[in-house]
Amino acid sequence: MRPVPVEPVLVLVGVTELKVVATQFSVRVYQECQVAALAPLSGVLTADQVEQVEQVHSVARHRQAWNQA
């Protein structure tokens, strides 16, 4: 299994105002109306890497995978 580089993103839905302050964490924070800002970012995965996409999805669904994150 190859490591898959990821970047954390938090999208808040239904909030009317959001103040994001700089922290030591490298998490991108968006309101749902700002999700389009992610479009220019190029992802590591492509459509022909279906197996890797399925593997990431399978691991991401399990709560234990995030305990050490």
PDB file of N, CA and C in Angstrom:
ATOM      1  N   MET A   1       0.838  -1.168   0.000  1.00  0.00           N
ATOM      2  CA  MET A   1       0.000   0.000   0.000  1.00  0.00           C
ATOM      3  C   MET A   1       0.891   1.242   0.000  1.00  0.00           C
ATOM      4  N   ARG A   2       0.671   2.112  -0.975  1.00  0.00           N
ATOM      5  CA  ARG A   2       1.451   3.343  -1.073  1.00  0.00           C
ATOM      6  C   ARG A   2       0.832   4.432  -0.209  1.00  0.00           C
ATOM      7  N   PRO A   3       1.654   5.257   0.428  1.00  0.00           N
ATOM      8  CA  PRO A   3       1.104   6.391   1.174  1.00  0.00           C
ATOM      9  C   PRO A   3       0.442   7.379   0.215  1.00  0.00           C
ATOM     10  N   VAL A   4      -0.632   7.983   0.672  1.00  0.00           N
ATOM     11  CA  VAL A   4      -1.349   8.963  -0.145  1.00  0.00           C
ATOM     12  C   VAL A   4      -1.257  10.311   0.560  1.00  0.00           C
ATOM     13  N   PRO A   5      -0.605  11.292  -0.065  1.00  0.00           N
ATOM     14  CA  PRO A   5      -0.515  12.609   0.567  1.00  0.00           C
ATOM     15  C   PRO A   5      -1.883  13.292   0.565  1.00  0.00           C
ATOM     16  N   VAL A   6      -2.251  13.849   1.689  1.00  0.00           N
ATOM     17  CA  VAL A   6      -3.528  14.552   1.813  1.00  0.00           C
ATOM     18  C   VAL A   6      -3.321  15.865   2.551  1.00  0.00           C
ATOM     19  N   GLU A   7      -4.258  16.782   2.372  1.00  0.00           N
ATOM     20  CA  GLU A   7      -4.262  18.036   3.101  1.00  0.00           C
ATOM     21  C   GLU A   7      -5.624  18.172   3.762  1.00  0.00           C
ATOM     22  N   PRO A   8      -5.655  18.499   5.048  1.00  0.00           N
ATOM     23  CA  PRO A   8      -6.945  18.601   5.737  1.00  0.00           C
ATOM     24  C   PRO A   8      -7.727  19.839   5.318  1.00  0.00           C
ATOM     25  N   VAL A   9      -9.033  19.650   5.126  1.00  0.00           N
ATOM     26  CA  VAL A   9      -9.949  20.731   4.780  1.00  0.00           C
ATOM     27  C   VAL A   9     -11.183  20.581   5.646  1.00  0.00           C
ATOM     28  N   LEU A  10     -11.641  21.673   6.199  1.00  0.00           N
ATOM     29  CA  LEU A  10     -12.856  21.694   7.010  1.00  0.00           C
ATOM     30  C   LEU A  10     -13.832  22.645   6.335  1.00  0.00           C
ATOM     31  N   VAL A  11     -15.001  22.122   5.953  1.00  0.00           N
ATOM     32  CA  VAL A  11     -16.022  22.950   5.323  1.00  0.00           C
ATOM     33  C   VAL A  11     -17.204  23.029   6.269  1.00  0.00           C
ATOM     34  N   LEU A  12     -17.539  24.245   6.673  1.00  0.00           N
ATOM     35  CA  LEU A  12     -18.645  24.468   7.592  1.00  0.00           C
ATOM     36  C   LEU A  12     -19.892  24.813   6.787  1.00  0.00           C
ATOM     37  N   VAL A  13     -20.953  24.067   7.049  1.00  0.00           N
ATOM     38  CA  VAL A  13     -22.199  24.231   6.302  1.00  0.00           C
ATOM     39  C   VAL A  13     -23.229  24.927   7.176  1.00  0.00           C
ATOM     40  N   GLY A  14     -23.905  25.908   6.626  1.00  0.00           N
ATOM     41  CA  GLY A  14     -24.990  26.567   7.336  1.00  0.00           C
ATOM     42  C   GLY A  14     -24.566  27.675   8.274  1.00  0.00           C
ATOM     43  N   VAL A  15     -23.319  28.092   8.229  1.00  0.00           N
ATOM     44  CA  VAL A  15     -22.885  29.205   9.077  1.00  0.00           C
ATOM     45  C   VAL A  15     -23.052  30.503   8.289  1.00  0.00           C
ATOM     46  N   THR A  16     -23.412  31.563   8.979  1.00  0.00           N
ATOM     47  CA  THR A  16     -23.616  32.839   8.296  1.00  0.00           C
ATOM     48  C   THR A  16     -22.374  33.710   8.351  1.00  0.00           C
ATOM     49  N   GLU A  17     -21.524  33.461   9.329  1.00  0.00           N
ATOM     50  CA  GLU A  17     -20.294  34.242   9.463  1.00  0.00           C
ATOM     51  C   GLU A  17     -19.204  33.327   9.991  1.00  0.00           C
ATOM     52  N   LEU A  18     -17.996  33.526   9.495  1.00  0.00           N
ATOM     53  CA  LEU A  18     -16.881  32.681   9.901  1.00  0.00           C
ATOM     54  C   LEU A  18     -15.631  33.528  10.019  1.00  0.00           C
ATOM     55  N   LYS A  19     -14.994  33.468  11.168  1.00  0.00           N
ATOM     56  CA  LYS A  19     -13.736  34.172  11.376  1.00  0.00           C
ATOM     57  C   LYS A  19     -12.653  33.107  11.547  1.00  0.00           C
ATOM     58  N   VAL A  20     -11.718  33.079  10.635  1.00  0.00           N
ATOM     59  CA  VAL A  20     -10.638  32.097  10.676  1.00  0.00           C
ATOM     60  C   VAL A  20      -9.382  32.814  11.163  1.00  0.00           C
ATOM     61  N   VAL A  21      -8.771  32.270  12.195  1.00  0.00           N
ATOM     62  CA  VAL A  21      -7.543  32.857  12.729  1.00  0.00           C
ATOM     63  C   VAL A  21      -6.382  31.905  12.457  1.00  0.00           C
ATOM     64  N   ALA A  22      -5.212  32.463  12.347  1.00  0.00           N
ATOM     65  CA  ALA A  22      -4.015  31.656  12.108  1.00  0.00           C
ATOM     66  C   ALA A  22      -3.715  30.802  13.335  1.00  0.00           C
ATOM     67  N   THR A  23      -3.391  29.549  13.094  1.00  0.00           N
ATOM     68  CA  THR A  23      -3.028  28.629  14.176  1.00  0.00           C
ATOM     69  C   THR A  23      -1.805  27.842  13.746  1.00  0.00           C
ATOM     70  N   GLN A  24      -1.384  26.955  14.602  1.00  0.00           N
ATOM     71  CA  GLN A  24      -0.252  26.095  14.276  1.00  0.00           C
ATOM     72  C   GLN A  24      -0.674  24.931  13.377  1.00  0.00           C
ATOM     73  N   PHE A  25      -1.961  24.765  13.183  1.00  0.00           N
ATOM     74  CA  PHE A  25      -2.459  23.659  12.375  1.00  0.00           C
ATOM     75  C   PHE A  25      -2.569  24.079  10.911  1.00  0.00           C
ATOM     76  N   SER A  26      -2.280  23.160  10.022  1.00  0.00           N
ATOM     77  CA  SER A  26      -2.356  23.464   8.592  1.00  0.00           C
ATOM     78  C   SER A  26      -3.653  22.902   8.019  1.00  0.00           C
ATOM     79  N   VAL A  27      -4.765  23.462   8.478  1.00  0.00           N
ATOM     80  CA  VAL A  27      -6.083  23.039   8.018  1.00  0.00           C
ATOM     81  C   VAL A  27      -6.714  24.197   7.261  1.00  0.00           C
ATOM     82  N   ARG A  28      -7.178  23.929   6.054  1.00  0.00           N
ATOM     83  CA  ARG A  28      -7.906  24.944   5.307  1.00  0.00           C
ATOM     84  C   ARG A  28      -9.338  24.950   5.819  1.00  0.00           C
ATOM     85  N   VAL A  29      -9.879  26.129   6.091  1.00  0.00           N
ATOM     86  CA  VAL A  29     -11.236  26.252   6.610  1.00  0.00           C
ATOM     87  C   VAL A  29     -12.055  27.099   5.641  1.00  0.00           C
ATOM     88  N   TYR A  30     -13.214  26.562   5.243  1.00  0.00           N
ATOM     89  CA  TYR A  30     -14.082  27.235   4.289  1.00  0.00           C
ATOM     90  C   TYR A  30     -15.529  27.190   4.756  1.00  0.00           C
ATOM     91  N   GLN A  31     -16.310  28.157   4.280  1.00  0.00           N
ATOM     92  CA  GLN A  31     -17.759  28.055   4.358  1.00  0.00           C
ATOM     93  C   GLN A  31     -18.185  27.325   3.098  1.00  0.00           C
ATOM     94  N   GLU A  32     -19.392  26.763   3.104  1.00  0.00           N
ATOM     95  CA  GLU A  32     -19.815  25.985   1.940  1.00  0.00           C
ATOM     96  C   GLU A  32     -19.814  26.814   0.657  1.00  0.00           C
ATOM     97  N   CYS A  33     -20.068  28.113   0.758  1.00  0.00           N
ATOM     98  CA  CYS A  33     -20.079  28.960  -0.435  1.00  0.00           C
ATOM     99  C   CYS A  33     -18.672  29.185  -0.988  1.00  0.00           C
ATOM    100  N   GLN A  34     -17.642  28.794  -0.251  1.00  0.00           N
ATOM    101  CA  GLN A  34     -16.255  28.984  -0.681  1.00  0.00           C
ATOM    102  C   GLN A  34     -15.618  27.703  -1.216  1.00  0.00           C
ATOM    103  N   VAL A  35     -16.373  26.628  -1.289  1.00  0.00           N
ATOM    104  CA  VAL A  35     -15.801  25.351  -1.723  1.00  0.00           C
ATOM    105  C   VAL A  35     -15.230  25.444  -3.136  1.00  0.00           C
ATOM    106  N   ALA A  36     -15.784  26.309  -3.958  1.00  0.00           N
ATOM    107  CA  ALA A  36     -15.264  26.475  -5.317  1.00  0.00           C
ATOM    108  C   ALA A  36     -13.797  26.890  -5.310  1.00  0.00           C
ATOM    109  N   ALA A  37     -13.314  27.446  -4.195  1.00  0.00           N
ATOM    110  CA  ALA A  37     -11.906  27.846  -4.098  1.00  0.00           C
ATOM    111  C   ALA A  37     -10.973  26.642  -4.176  1.00  0.00           C
ATOM    112  N   LEU A  38     -11.489  25.452  -3.946  1.00  0.00           N
ATOM    113  CA  LEU A  38     -10.667  24.244  -4.030  1.00  0.00           C
ATOM    114  C   LEU A  38     -10.446  23.804  -5.482  1.00  0.00           C
ATOM    115  N   ALA A  39     -11.253  24.276  -6.406  1.00  0.00           N
ATOM    116  CA  ALA A  39     -11.193  23.823  -7.797  1.00  0.00           C
ATOM    117  C   ALA A  39      -9.814  23.969  -8.445  1.00  0.00           C
ATOM    118  N   PRO A  40      -9.105  25.087  -8.247  1.00  0.00           N
ATOM    119  CA  PRO A  40      -7.804  25.213  -8.916  1.00  0.00           C
ATOM    120  C   PRO A  40      -6.711  24.299  -8.351  1.00  0.00           C
ATOM    121  N   LEU A  41      -6.937  23.745  -7.181  1.00  0.00           N
ATOM    122  CA  LEU A  41      -5.921  22.870  -6.591  1.00  0.00           C
ATOM    123  C   LEU A  41      -5.895  21.550  -7.338  1.00  0.00           C
ATOM    124  N   SER A  42      -4.737  21.108  -7.699  1.00  0.00           N
ATOM    125  CA  SER A  42      -4.644  19.831  -8.401  1.00  0.00           C
ATOM    126  C   SER A  42      -4.512  18.713  -7.373  1.00  0.00           C
ATOM    127  N   GLY A  43      -5.315  17.721  -7.530  1.00  0.00           N
ATOM    128  CA  GLY A  43      -5.281  16.586  -6.623  1.00  0.00           C
ATOM    129  C   GLY A  43      -4.198  15.609  -7.014  1.00  0.00           C
ATOM    130  N   VAL A  44      -3.844  14.743  -6.111  1.00  0.00           N
ATOM    131  CA  VAL A  44      -2.842  13.721  -6.382  1.00  0.00           C
ATOM    132  C   VAL A  44      -3.477  12.551  -7.123  1.00  0.00           C
ATOM    133  N   LEU A  45      -4.747  12.293  -6.843  1.00  0.00           N
ATOM    134  CA  LEU A  45      -5.427  11.152  -7.441  1.00  0.00           C
ATOM    135  C   LEU A  45      -6.105  11.537  -8.747  1.00  0.00           C
ATOM    136  N   THR A  46      -6.106  10.610  -9.692  1.00  0.00           N
ATOM    137  CA  THR A  46      -6.792  10.813 -10.961  1.00  0.00           C
ATOM    138  C   THR A  46      -7.819   9.698 -11.139  1.00  0.00           C
ATOM    139  N   ALA A  47      -8.679   9.860 -12.129  1.00  0.00           N
ATOM    140  CA  ALA A  47      -9.746   8.887 -12.368  1.00  0.00           C
ATOM    141  C   ALA A  47      -9.202   7.494 -12.660  1.00  0.00           C
ATOM    142  N   ASP A  48      -8.036   7.396 -13.269  1.00  0.00           N
ATOM    143  CA  ASP A  48      -7.489   6.079 -13.594  1.00  0.00           C
ATOM    144  C   ASP A  48      -6.843   5.396 -12.382  1.00  0.00           C
ATOM    145  N   GLN A  49      -6.831   6.054 -11.250  1.00  0.00           N
ATOM    146  CA  GLN A  49      -6.272   5.455 -10.031  1.00  0.00           C
ATOM    147  C   GLN A  49      -7.405   4.992  -9.112  1.00  0.00           C
ATOM    148  N   VAL A  50      -8.388   4.334  -9.699  1.00  0.00           N
ATOM    149  CA  VAL A  50      -9.585   3.928  -8.972  1.00  0.00           C
ATOM    150  C   VAL A  50      -9.244   3.088  -7.743  1.00  0.00           C
ATOM    151  N   GLU A  51      -8.316   2.190  -7.860  1.00  0.00           N
ATOM    152  CA  GLU A  51      -7.961   1.331  -6.725  1.00  0.00           C
ATOM    153  C   GLU A  51      -7.469   2.167  -5.548  1.00  0.00           C
ATOM    154  N   GLN A  52      -6.639   3.154  -5.831  1.00  0.00           N
ATOM    155  CA  GLN A  52      -6.116   3.998  -4.766  1.00  0.00           C
ATOM    156  C   GLN A  52      -7.233   4.848  -4.151  1.00  0.00           C
ATOM    157  N   VAL A  53      -8.143   5.342  -4.976  1.00  0.00           N
ATOM    158  CA  VAL A  53      -9.281   6.116  -4.472  1.00  0.00           C
ATOM    159  C   VAL A  53     -10.130   5.254  -3.543  1.00  0.00           C
ATOM    160  N   GLU A  54     -10.407   4.030  -3.952  1.00  0.00           N
ATOM    161  CA  GLU A  54     -11.212   3.115  -3.130  1.00  0.00           C
ATOM    162  C   GLU A  54     -10.502   2.793  -1.817  1.00  0.00           C
ATOM    163  N   GLN A  55      -9.191   2.660  -1.873  1.00  0.00           N
ATOM    164  CA  GLN A  55      -8.409   2.361  -0.681  1.00  0.00           C
ATOM    165  C   GLN A  55      -8.471   3.530   0.313  1.00  0.00           C
ATOM    166  N   VAL A  56      -8.316   4.748  -0.184  1.00  0.00           N
ATOM    167  CA  VAL A  56      -8.396   5.933   0.670  1.00  0.00           C
ATOM    168  C   VAL A  56      -9.784   6.033   1.286  1.00  0.00           C
ATOM    169  N   HIS A  57     -10.808   5.814   0.490  1.00  0.00           N
ATOM    170  CA  HIS A  57     -12.178   5.881   0.989  1.00  0.00           C
ATOM    171  C   HIS A  57     -12.408   4.843   2.079  1.00  0.00           C
ATOM    172  N   SER A  58     -11.923   3.647   1.868  1.00  0.00           N
ATOM    173  CA  SER A  58     -12.102   2.570   2.843  1.00  0.00           C
ATOM    174  C   SER A  58     -11.443   2.908   4.178  1.00  0.00           C
ATOM    175  N   VAL A  59     -10.230   3.427   4.138  1.00  0.00           N
ATOM    176  CA  VAL A  59      -9.517   3.783   5.363  1.00  0.00           C
ATOM    177  C   VAL A  59     -10.167   4.996   6.029  1.00  0.00           C
ATOM    178  N   ALA A  60     -10.552   5.971   5.248  1.00  0.00           N
ATOM    179  CA  ALA A  60     -11.118   7.210   5.800  1.00  0.00           C
ATOM    180  C   ALA A  60     -12.441   6.985   6.514  1.00  0.00           C
ATOM    181  N   ARG A  61     -13.161   5.948   6.163  1.00  0.00           N
ATOM    182  CA  ARG A  61     -14.450   5.676   6.795  1.00  0.00           C
ATOM    183  C   ARG A  61     -14.304   5.151   8.217  1.00  0.00           C
ATOM    184  N   HIS A  62     -13.163   4.614   8.560  1.00  0.00           N
ATOM    185  CA  HIS A  62     -12.987   3.981   9.865  1.00  0.00           C
ATOM    186  C   HIS A  62     -12.472   4.979  10.896  1.00  0.00           C
ATOM    187  N   ARG A  63     -13.214   5.109  11.968  1.00  0.00           N
ATOM    188  CA  ARG A  63     -12.892   6.059  13.036  1.00  0.00           C
ATOM    189  C   ARG A  63     -11.496   5.836  13.604  1.00  0.00           C
ATOM    190  N   GLN A  64     -11.061   4.598  13.718  1.00  0.00           N
ATOM    191  CA  GLN A  64      -9.754   4.293  14.295  1.00  0.00           C
ATOM    192  C   GLN A  64      -8.618   4.887  13.464  1.00  0.00           C
ATOM    193  N   ALA A  65      -8.834   5.078  12.186  1.00  0.00           N
ATOM    194  CA  ALA A  65      -7.788   5.628  11.320  1.00  0.00           C
ATOM    195  C   ALA A  65      -7.446   7.065  11.721  1.00  0.00           C
ATOM    196  N   TRP A  66      -8.376   7.761  12.377  1.00  0.00           N
ATOM    197  CA  TRP A  66      -8.175   9.168  12.710  1.00  0.00           C
ATOM    198  C   TRP A  66      -7.709   9.366  14.141  1.00  0.00           C
ATOM    199  N   ASN A  67      -7.619   8.296  14.931  1.00  0.00           N
ATOM    200  CA  ASN A  67      -7.209   8.438  16.335  1.00  0.00           C
ATOM    201  C   ASN A  67      -5.802   8.993  16.492  1.00  0.00           C
ATOM    202  N   GLN A  68      -4.912   8.695  15.549  1.00  0.00           N
ATOM    203  CA  GLN A  68      -3.527   9.150  15.657  1.00  0.00           C
ATOM    204  C   GLN A  68      -3.253  10.346  14.760  1.00  0.00           C
ATOM    205  N   ALA A  69      -4.278  10.878  14.129  1.00  0.00           N
ATOM    206  CA  ALA A  69      -4.099  12.017  13.218  1.00  0.00           C
ATOM    207  C   ALA A  69      -3.838  13.293  13.988  1.00  0.00           C
TER     208      ALA A  69
END
